[in-house]
PDB file of all heavy atoms in Angstrom:
ATOM      1  N   LYS A   1       0.834  -1.186   0.004  1.00  0.00           N
ATOM      2  CA  LYS A   1       0.003   0.012  -0.018  1.00  0.00           C
ATOM      3  C   LYS A   1       0.868   1.245  -0.002  1.00  0.00           C
ATOM      4  O   LYS A   1       1.785   1.373   0.801  1.00  0.00           O
ATOM      5  CB  LYS A   1      -0.945  -0.011   1.189  1.00  0.00           C
ATOM      6  CG  LYS A   1      -1.998  -1.070   1.163  1.00  0.00           C
ATOM      7  CD  LYS A   1      -2.910  -1.017   2.353  1.00  0.00           C
ATOM      8  CE  LYS A   1      -4.085  -1.993   2.229  1.00  0.00           C
ATOM      9  NZ  LYS A   1      -3.804  -3.289   1.772  1.00  0.00           N
ATOM     10  N   VAL A   2       0.602   2.158  -0.936  1.00  0.00           N
ATOM     11  CA  VAL A   2       1.372   3.403  -1.096  1.00  0.00           C
ATOM     12  C   VAL A   2       0.427   4.557  -0.925  1.00  0.00           C
ATOM     13  O   VAL A   2      -0.685   4.574  -1.451  1.00  0.00           O
ATOM     14  CB  VAL A   2       2.019   3.465  -2.493  1.00  0.00           C
ATOM     15  CG1 VAL A   2       2.865   4.733  -2.614  1.00  0.00           C
ATOM     16  CG2 VAL A   2       2.932   2.243  -2.706  1.00  0.00           C
ATOM     17  N   ALA A   3       0.815   5.597  -0.167  1.00  0.00           N
ATOM     18  CA  ALA A   3       0.014   6.782   0.029  1.00  0.00           C
ATOM     19  C   ALA A   3       0.757   7.991  -0.543  1.00  0.00           C
ATOM     20  O   ALA A   3       1.919   8.199  -0.308  1.00  0.00           O
ATOM     21  CB  ALA A   3      -0.242   7.020   1.558  1.00  0.00           C
ATOM     22  N   VAL A   4      -0.003   8.799  -1.345  1.00  0.00           N
ATOM     23  CA  VAL A   4       0.488  10.027  -1.878  1.00  0.00           C
ATOM     24  C   VAL A   4      -0.518  11.114  -1.466  1.00  0.00           C
ATOM     25  O   VAL A   4      -1.615  11.187  -2.035  1.00  0.00           O
ATOM     26  CB  VAL A   4       0.657   9.978  -3.415  1.00  0.00           C
ATOM     27  CG1 VAL A   4       1.156  11.319  -3.929  1.00  0.00           C
ATOM     28  CG2 VAL A   4       1.585   8.861  -3.832  1.00  0.00           C
ATOM     29  N   MET A   5      -0.144  11.942  -0.498  1.00  0.00           N
ATOM     30  CA  MET A   5      -1.082  12.885   0.077  1.00  0.00           C
ATOM     31  C   MET A   5      -0.662  14.339  -0.220  1.00  0.00           C
ATOM     32  O   MET A   5       0.524  14.591  -0.474  1.00  0.00           O
ATOM     33  CB  MET A   5      -1.156  12.670   1.584  1.00  0.00           C
ATOM     34  CG  MET A   5      -1.554  11.241   1.992  1.00  0.00           C
ATOM     35  SD  MET A   5      -3.164  10.720   1.289  1.00  0.00           S
ATOM     36  CE  MET A   5      -4.266  11.842   2.136  1.00  0.00           C
ATOM     37  N   GLY A   6      -1.680  15.245  -0.234  1.00  0.00           N
ATOM     38  CA  GLY A   6      -1.420  16.565  -0.713  1.00  0.00           C
ATOM     39  C   GLY A   6      -1.226  17.679   0.293  1.00  0.00           C
ATOM     40  O   GLY A   6      -1.028  18.819  -0.053  1.00  0.00           O
ATOM     41  N   CYS A   7      -1.350  17.361   1.598  1.00  0.00           N
ATOM     42  CA  CYS A   7      -1.094  18.418   2.604  1.00  0.00           C
ATOM     43  C   CYS A   7      -0.900  17.724   3.925  1.00  0.00           C
ATOM     44  O   CYS A   7      -0.958  16.513   4.065  1.00  0.00           O
ATOM     45  CB  CYS A   7      -2.210  19.461   2.669  1.00  0.00           C
ATOM     46  SG  CYS A   7      -3.714  18.884   3.528  1.00  0.00           S
ATOM     47  N   ILE A   8      -0.672  18.542   4.970  1.00  0.00           N
ATOM     48  CA  ILE A   8      -0.286  18.033   6.308  1.00  0.00           C
ATOM     49  C   ILE A   8      -1.461  17.553   7.113  1.00  0.00           C
ATOM     50  O   ILE A   8      -1.291  16.919   8.177  1.00  0.00           O
ATOM     51  CB  ILE A   8       0.524  19.114   7.068  1.00  0.00           C
ATOM     52  CG1 ILE A   8       1.365  18.467   8.178  1.00  0.00           C
ATOM     53  CG2 ILE A   8      -0.459  20.188   7.625  1.00  0.00           C
ATOM     54  CD1 ILE A   8       2.320  19.454   8.797  1.00  0.00           C
ATOM     55  N   VAL A   9      -2.720  17.869   6.727  1.00  0.00           N
ATOM     56  CA  VAL A   9      -3.892  17.558   7.532  1.00  0.00           C
ATOM     57  C   VAL A   9      -4.014  16.065   7.745  1.00  0.00           C
ATOM     58  O   VAL A   9      -3.946  15.547   8.887  1.00  0.00           O
ATOM     59  CB  VAL A   9      -5.188  18.134   6.920  1.00  0.00           C
ATOM     60  CG1 VAL A   9      -6.393  17.682   7.797  1.00  0.00           C
ATOM     61  CG2 VAL A   9      -5.117  19.635   6.906  1.00  0.00           C
ATOM     62  N   ASN A  10      -4.241  15.346   6.688  1.00  0.00           N
ATOM     63  CA  ASN A  10      -4.379  13.878   6.751  1.00  0.00           C
ATOM     64  C   ASN A  10      -3.123  13.118   6.228  1.00  0.00           C
ATOM     65  O   ASN A  10      -3.071  11.894   6.342  1.00  0.00           O
ATOM     66  CB  ASN A  10      -5.629  13.395   5.962  1.00  0.00           C
ATOM     67  CG  ASN A  10      -6.910  13.807   6.606  1.00  0.00           C
ATOM     68  OD1 ASN A  10      -7.034  13.802   7.815  1.00  0.00           O
ATOM     69  ND2 ASN A  10      -7.817  14.217   5.784  1.00  0.00           N
ATOM     70  N   GLY A  11      -2.252  13.862   5.639  1.00  0.00           N
ATOM     71  CA  GLY A  11      -1.094  13.216   4.985  1.00  0.00           C
ATOM     72  C   GLY A  11      -0.289  12.300   5.852  1.00  0.00           C
ATOM     73  O   GLY A  11      -0.079  11.134   5.564  1.00  0.00           O
ATOM     74  N   PRO A  12       0.230  12.818   6.996  1.00  0.00           N
ATOM     75  CA  PRO A  12       1.062  11.960   7.832  1.00  0.00           C
ATOM     76  C   PRO A  12       0.342  10.750   8.370  1.00  0.00           C
ATOM     77  O   PRO A  12       0.871   9.613   8.413  1.00  0.00           O
ATOM     78  CB  PRO A  12       1.456  12.841   8.972  1.00  0.00           C
ATOM     79  CG  PRO A  12       1.421  14.267   8.398  1.00  0.00           C
ATOM     80  CD  PRO A  12       0.268  14.219   7.451  1.00  0.00           C
ATOM     81  N   GLY A  13      -0.984  10.926   8.760  1.00  0.00           N
ATOM     82  CA  GLY A  13      -1.742   9.785   9.258  1.00  0.00           C
ATOM     83  C   GLY A  13      -1.960   8.702   8.222  1.00  0.00           C
ATOM     84  O   GLY A  13      -1.745   7.519   8.491  1.00  0.00           O
ATOM     85  N   GLU A  14      -2.377   9.107   6.998  1.00  0.00           N
ATOM     86  CA  GLU A  14      -2.572   8.167   5.924  1.00  0.00           C
ATOM     87  C   GLU A  14      -1.239   7.470   5.541  1.00  0.00           C
ATOM     88  O   GLU A  14      -1.196   6.281   5.254  1.00  0.00           O
ATOM     89  CB  GLU A  14      -3.170   8.818   4.681  1.00  0.00           C
ATOM     90  CG  GLU A  14      -4.612   9.240   4.833  1.00  0.00           C
ATOM     91  CD  GLU A  14      -5.584   8.040   4.822  1.00  0.00           C
ATOM     92  OE1 GLU A  14      -5.135   6.909   4.487  1.00  0.00           O
ATOM     93  OE2 GLU A  14      -6.771   8.252   5.117  1.00  0.00           O
ATOM     94  N   SER A  15      -0.155   8.221   5.539  1.00  0.00           N
ATOM     95  CA  SER A  15       1.149   7.710   5.233  1.00  0.00           C
ATOM     96  C   SER A  15       1.592   6.658   6.222  1.00  0.00           C
ATOM     97  O   SER A  15       2.218   5.684   5.880  1.00  0.00           O
ATOM     98  CB  SER A  15       2.193   8.840   5.112  1.00  0.00           C
ATOM     99  OG  SER A  15       1.917   9.698   4.034  1.00  0.00           O
ATOM    100  N   LYS A  16       1.260   6.887   7.517  1.00  0.00           N
ATOM    101  CA  LYS A  16       1.589   5.923   8.523  1.00  0.00           C
ATOM    102  C   LYS A  16       0.859   4.637   8.377  1.00  0.00           C
ATOM    103  O   LYS A  16       1.342   3.535   8.687  1.00  0.00           O
ATOM    104  CB  LYS A  16       1.346   6.534   9.929  1.00  0.00           C
ATOM    105  CG  LYS A  16       2.282   7.619  10.360  1.00  0.00           C
ATOM    106  CD  LYS A  16       1.936   8.176  11.698  1.00  0.00           C
ATOM    107  CE  LYS A  16       2.893   9.317  12.139  1.00  0.00           C
ATOM    108  NZ  LYS A  16       2.483   9.908  13.418  1.00  0.00           N
ATOM    109  N   HIS A  17      -0.454   4.718   7.891  1.00  0.00           N
ATOM    110  CA  HIS A  17      -1.208   3.523   7.691  1.00  0.00           C
ATOM    111  C   HIS A  17      -0.750   2.706   6.482  1.00  0.00           C
ATOM    112  O   HIS A  17      -1.066   1.520   6.392  1.00  0.00           O
ATOM    113  CB  HIS A  17      -2.710   3.878   7.550  1.00  0.00           C
ATOM    114  CG  HIS A  17      -3.357   4.333   8.840  1.00  0.00           C
ATOM    115  ND1 HIS A  17      -3.384   3.562   9.956  1.00  0.00           N
ATOM    116  CD2 HIS A  17      -3.979   5.485   9.161  1.00  0.00           C
ATOM    117  CE1 HIS A  17      -4.005   4.184  10.922  1.00  0.00           C
ATOM    118  NE2 HIS A  17      -4.389   5.392  10.488  1.00  0.00           N
ATOM    119  N   ALA A  18      -0.115   3.351   5.527  1.00  0.00           N
ATOM    120  CA  ALA A  18       0.362   2.683   4.329  1.00  0.00           C
ATOM    121  C   ALA A  18       1.713   2.042   4.611  1.00  0.00           C
ATOM    122  O   ALA A  18       2.365   2.307   5.654  1.00  0.00           O
ATOM    123  CB  ALA A  18       0.525   3.678   3.178  1.00  0.00           C
ATOM    124  N   ASP A  19       2.138   1.150   3.702  1.00  0.00           N
ATOM    125  CA  ASP A  19       3.478   0.557   3.826  1.00  0.00           C
ATOM    126  C   ASP A  19       4.557   1.638   3.611  1.00  0.00           C
ATOM    127  O   ASP A  19       5.561   1.679   4.251  1.00  0.00           O
ATOM    128  CB  ASP A  19       3.664  -0.571   2.849  1.00  0.00           C
ATOM    129  CG  ASP A  19       2.742  -1.727   3.162  1.00  0.00           C
ATOM    130  OD1 ASP A  19       2.712  -2.196   4.341  1.00  0.00           O
ATOM    131  OD2 ASP A  19       1.984  -2.182   2.263  1.00  0.00           O
ATOM    132  N   ILE A  20       4.335   2.517   2.615  1.00  0.00           N
ATOM    133  CA  ILE A  20       5.192   3.606   2.331  1.00  0.00           C
ATOM    134  C   ILE A  20       4.375   4.780   1.852  1.00  0.00           C
ATOM    135  O   ILE A  20       3.416   4.577   1.054  1.00  0.00           O
ATOM    136  CB  ILE A  20       6.299   3.226   1.286  1.00  0.00           C
ATOM    137  CG1 ILE A  20       7.243   4.393   1.000  1.00  0.00           C
ATOM    138  CG2 ILE A  20       5.641   2.687   0.013  1.00  0.00           C
ATOM    139  CD1 ILE A  20       8.466   3.944   0.200  1.00  0.00           C
ATOM    140  N   GLY A  21       4.628   5.973   2.332  1.00  0.00           N
ATOM    141  CA  GLY A  21       3.819   7.108   1.917  1.00  0.00           C
ATOM    142  C   GLY A  21       4.585   8.423   2.016  1.00  0.00           C
ATOM    143  O   GLY A  21       5.601   8.557   2.645  1.00  0.00           O
ATOM    144  N   ILE A  22       4.058   9.386   1.304  1.00  0.00           N
ATOM    145  CA  ILE A  22       4.640  10.727   1.250  1.00  0.00           C
ATOM    146  C   ILE A  22       3.580  11.732   1.402  1.00  0.00           C
ATOM    147  O   ILE A  22       2.477  11.577   0.891  1.00  0.00           O
ATOM    148  CB  ILE A  22       5.437  10.909  -0.081  1.00  0.00           C
ATOM    149  CG1 ILE A  22       6.223  12.241  -0.060  1.00  0.00           C
ATOM    150  CG2 ILE A  22       4.517  10.839  -1.293  1.00  0.00           C
ATOM    151  CD1 ILE A  22       7.177  12.388  -1.222  1.00  0.00           C
ATOM    152  N   SER A  23       3.873  12.789   2.173  1.00  0.00           N
ATOM    153  CA  SER A  23       2.934  13.901   2.342  1.00  0.00           C
ATOM    154  C   SER A  23       3.569  15.124   1.723  1.00  0.00           C
ATOM    155  O   SER A  23       4.555  15.673   2.233  1.00  0.00           O
ATOM    156  CB  SER A  23       2.680  14.125   3.853  1.00  0.00           C
ATOM    157  OG  SER A  23       1.748  15.172   4.047  1.00  0.00           O
ATOM    158  N   LEU A  24       2.987  15.589   0.621  1.00  0.00           N
ATOM    159  CA  LEU A  24       3.539  16.715  -0.116  1.00  0.00           C
ATOM    160  C   LEU A  24       3.083  18.040   0.544  1.00  0.00           C
ATOM    161  O   LEU A  24       2.048  18.098   1.201  1.00  0.00           O
ATOM    162  CB  LEU A  24       3.090  16.683  -1.561  1.00  0.00           C
ATOM    163  CG  LEU A  24       3.519  15.450  -2.366  1.00  0.00           C
ATOM    164  CD1 LEU A  24       2.926  15.449  -3.765  1.00  0.00           C
ATOM    165  CD2 LEU A  24       5.058  15.391  -2.477  1.00  0.00           C
TER     166      LEU A  24
END
C-alpha cells in the first residue's frame, strides 16, 4: 500500500497507515 497525500492535515496519518507514503 502506497500513500500520496497533498497536505499536512491527513497526509502523515494516511502515510503511517500505508506501507510507504509521502505527504507533499
